[in-house]
Amino acid sequence: MTIPTLLRWVVTCTLIMTTSLVSAADAKASGDPEAGKNRSAVCLGCHGLNGEGKEAANGQPAFPRLSGQLQSYLKKSMHDYKNDSRKDPMMGAIAKGLSDVDMENLAAFYANLK
């Protein structure tokens, strides 16, 4: 095997392994969807009964869809609101009242809704 061929093989294998690990990490994400459902009352007013999101009166999205999103994305979003690296007065206030377990459970609940 020549050096360029070997290098391409190593890069390809590395990319495949990295993609597999990222997919597996989200598939094995923890959290209790039932506990998340029980905690979701605070989310319903803005994001809808089933996390479908709501539009503003002018047709623009006002509250994003949560259902079916990646669990890792939902969890990171809540953490970002909690630590103020993502700004929204309402979400920041709500996220500050959530524990890490609450966030895991809420993320599991909404990720499992389709």
Protein backbone atom coordinates (compact mmCIF):
# COMPACT_ATOMS: atom_id res chain seq x y z
CA MET A 1 0.00 0.00 0.00
CA THR A 2 1.38 3.40 -0.92
CA ILE A 3 1.56 6.25 1.60
CA PRO A 4 -1.26 8.30 -0.04
CA THR A 5 -3.50 5.21 -0.14
CA LEU A 6 -2.72 4.40 3.49
CA LEU A 7 -3.38 8.00 4.50
CA ARG A 8 -6.77 8.01 2.71
CA TRP A 9 -7.65 4.73 4.44
CA VAL A 10 -6.74 6.11 7.89
CA VAL A 11 -8.71 9.33 7.32
CA THR A 12 -11.74 7.41 6.05
CA CYS A 13 -11.68 5.02 9.02
CA THR A 14 -11.31 7.93 11.45
CA LEU A 15 -14.31 9.73 9.93
CA ILE A 16 -16.44 6.58 10.07
CA MET A 17 -15.53 5.94 13.71
CA THR A 18 -16.19 9.56 14.72
CA THR A 19 -19.60 9.57 13.01
CA SER A 20 -20.50 6.28 14.68
CA LEU A 21 -19.50 7.55 18.11
CA VAL A 22 -21.54 10.74 17.76
CA SER A 23 -24.61 8.77 16.63
CA ALA A 24 -24.16 6.23 19.42
CA ALA A 25 -23.79 8.96 22.04
CA ASP A 26 -27.19 10.39 21.17
CA ALA A 27 -28.76 6.92 20.91
CA LYS A 28 -27.49 6.02 24.40
CA ALA A 29 -28.43 9.36 25.95
CA SER A 30 -29.85 9.03 29.40
CA GLY A 31 -32.97 10.53 30.83
CA ASP A 32 -36.42 9.36 31.79
CA PRO A 33 -39.03 10.41 29.22
CA GLU A 34 -41.89 9.78 31.66
CA ALA A 35 -40.29 12.01 34.30
CA GLY A 36 -39.72 14.59 31.56
CA LYS A 37 -43.39 14.45 30.62
CA ASN A 38 -44.30 15.09 34.25
CA ARG A 39 -41.93 18.09 34.35
CA SER A 40 -43.02 19.51 30.97
CA ALA A 41 -45.94 21.59 32.29
CA VAL A 42 -43.66 24.64 32.34
CA CYS A 43 -43.02 24.16 28.59
CA LEU A 44 -46.60 23.67 27.36
CA GLY A 45 -47.71 27.29 27.28
CA CYS A 46 -45.05 28.34 24.79
CA HIS A 47 -44.01 25.18 22.95
CA GLY A 48 -47.43 23.49 22.74
CA LEU A 49 -49.00 20.41 24.24
CA ASN A 50 -46.82 18.04 22.20
CA GLY A 51 -43.78 20.27 21.71
CA GLU A 52 -44.98 21.23 18.24
CA GLY A 53 -44.05 24.89 18.69
CA LYS A 54 -46.23 27.92 18.10
CA GLU A 55 -46.23 30.73 15.56
CA ALA A 56 -46.57 34.40 16.26
CA ALA A 57 -49.64 36.24 14.96
CA ASN A 58 -47.69 37.43 11.89
CA GLY A 59 -46.86 33.85 10.86
CA GLN A 60 -43.29 33.95 12.13
CA PRO A 61 -42.17 31.18 14.48
CA ALA A 62 -42.35 32.47 18.00
CA PHE A 63 -41.61 29.29 19.93
CA PRO A 64 -39.61 26.52 18.27
CA ARG A 65 -40.65 22.91 17.90
CA LEU A 66 -39.14 20.64 20.54
CA SER A 67 -40.65 17.31 19.52
CA GLY A 68 -38.34 15.04 17.58
CA GLN A 69 -35.24 17.17 18.12
CA LEU A 70 -32.01 15.42 19.07
CA GLN A 71 -31.82 14.84 22.80
CA SER A 72 -28.26 16.16 22.91
CA TYR A 73 -29.36 19.39 21.18
CA LEU A 74 -32.28 19.94 23.57
CA LYS A 75 -30.11 19.32 26.61
CA LYS A 76 -27.35 21.63 25.37
CA SER A 77 -29.90 24.36 24.58
CA MET A 78 -31.31 24.25 28.11
CA HIS A 79 -27.80 24.33 29.61
CA ASP A 80 -26.89 27.27 27.36
CA TYR A 81 -29.95 29.21 28.52
CA LYS A 82 -29.16 28.35 32.13
CA ASN A 83 -25.58 29.64 31.93
CA ASP A 84 -26.55 32.66 29.78
CA SER A 85 -24.46 31.67 26.77
CA ARG A 86 -27.77 31.64 24.87
CA LYS A 87 -29.99 34.63 25.56
CA ASP A 88 -33.74 34.73 26.03
CA PRO A 89 -35.26 36.27 29.17
CA MET A 90 -38.08 33.71 29.49
CA MET A 91 -36.02 30.62 28.69
CA GLY A 92 -33.15 31.83 30.87
CA ALA A 93 -35.44 32.21 33.86
CA ILE A 94 -37.04 28.80 33.30
CA ALA A 95 -33.74 27.00 32.70
CA LYS A 96 -32.22 28.41 35.87
CA GLY A 97 -34.92 26.55 37.80
CA LEU A 98 -34.09 23.21 36.17
CA SER A 99 -31.64 20.68 37.58
CA ASP A 100 -29.35 18.64 35.32
CA VAL A 101 -31.67 15.65 35.86
CA ASP A 102 -34.69 17.77 34.88
CA MET A 103 -32.92 18.78 31.67
CA GLU A 104 -31.98 15.16 30.87
CA ASN A 105 -35.56 14.05 31.44
CA LEU A 106 -37.14 16.89 29.46
CA ALA A 107 -34.72 16.31 26.58
CA ALA A 108 -35.54 12.58 26.60
CA PHE A 109 -39.27 13.31 26.61
CA TYR A 110 -39.24 15.79 23.72
CA ALA A 111 -36.72 13.81 21.67
CA ASN A 112 -39.03 10.80 21.80
CA LEU A 113 -42.07 12.74 20.56
CA LYS A 114 -42.56 12.61 16.82
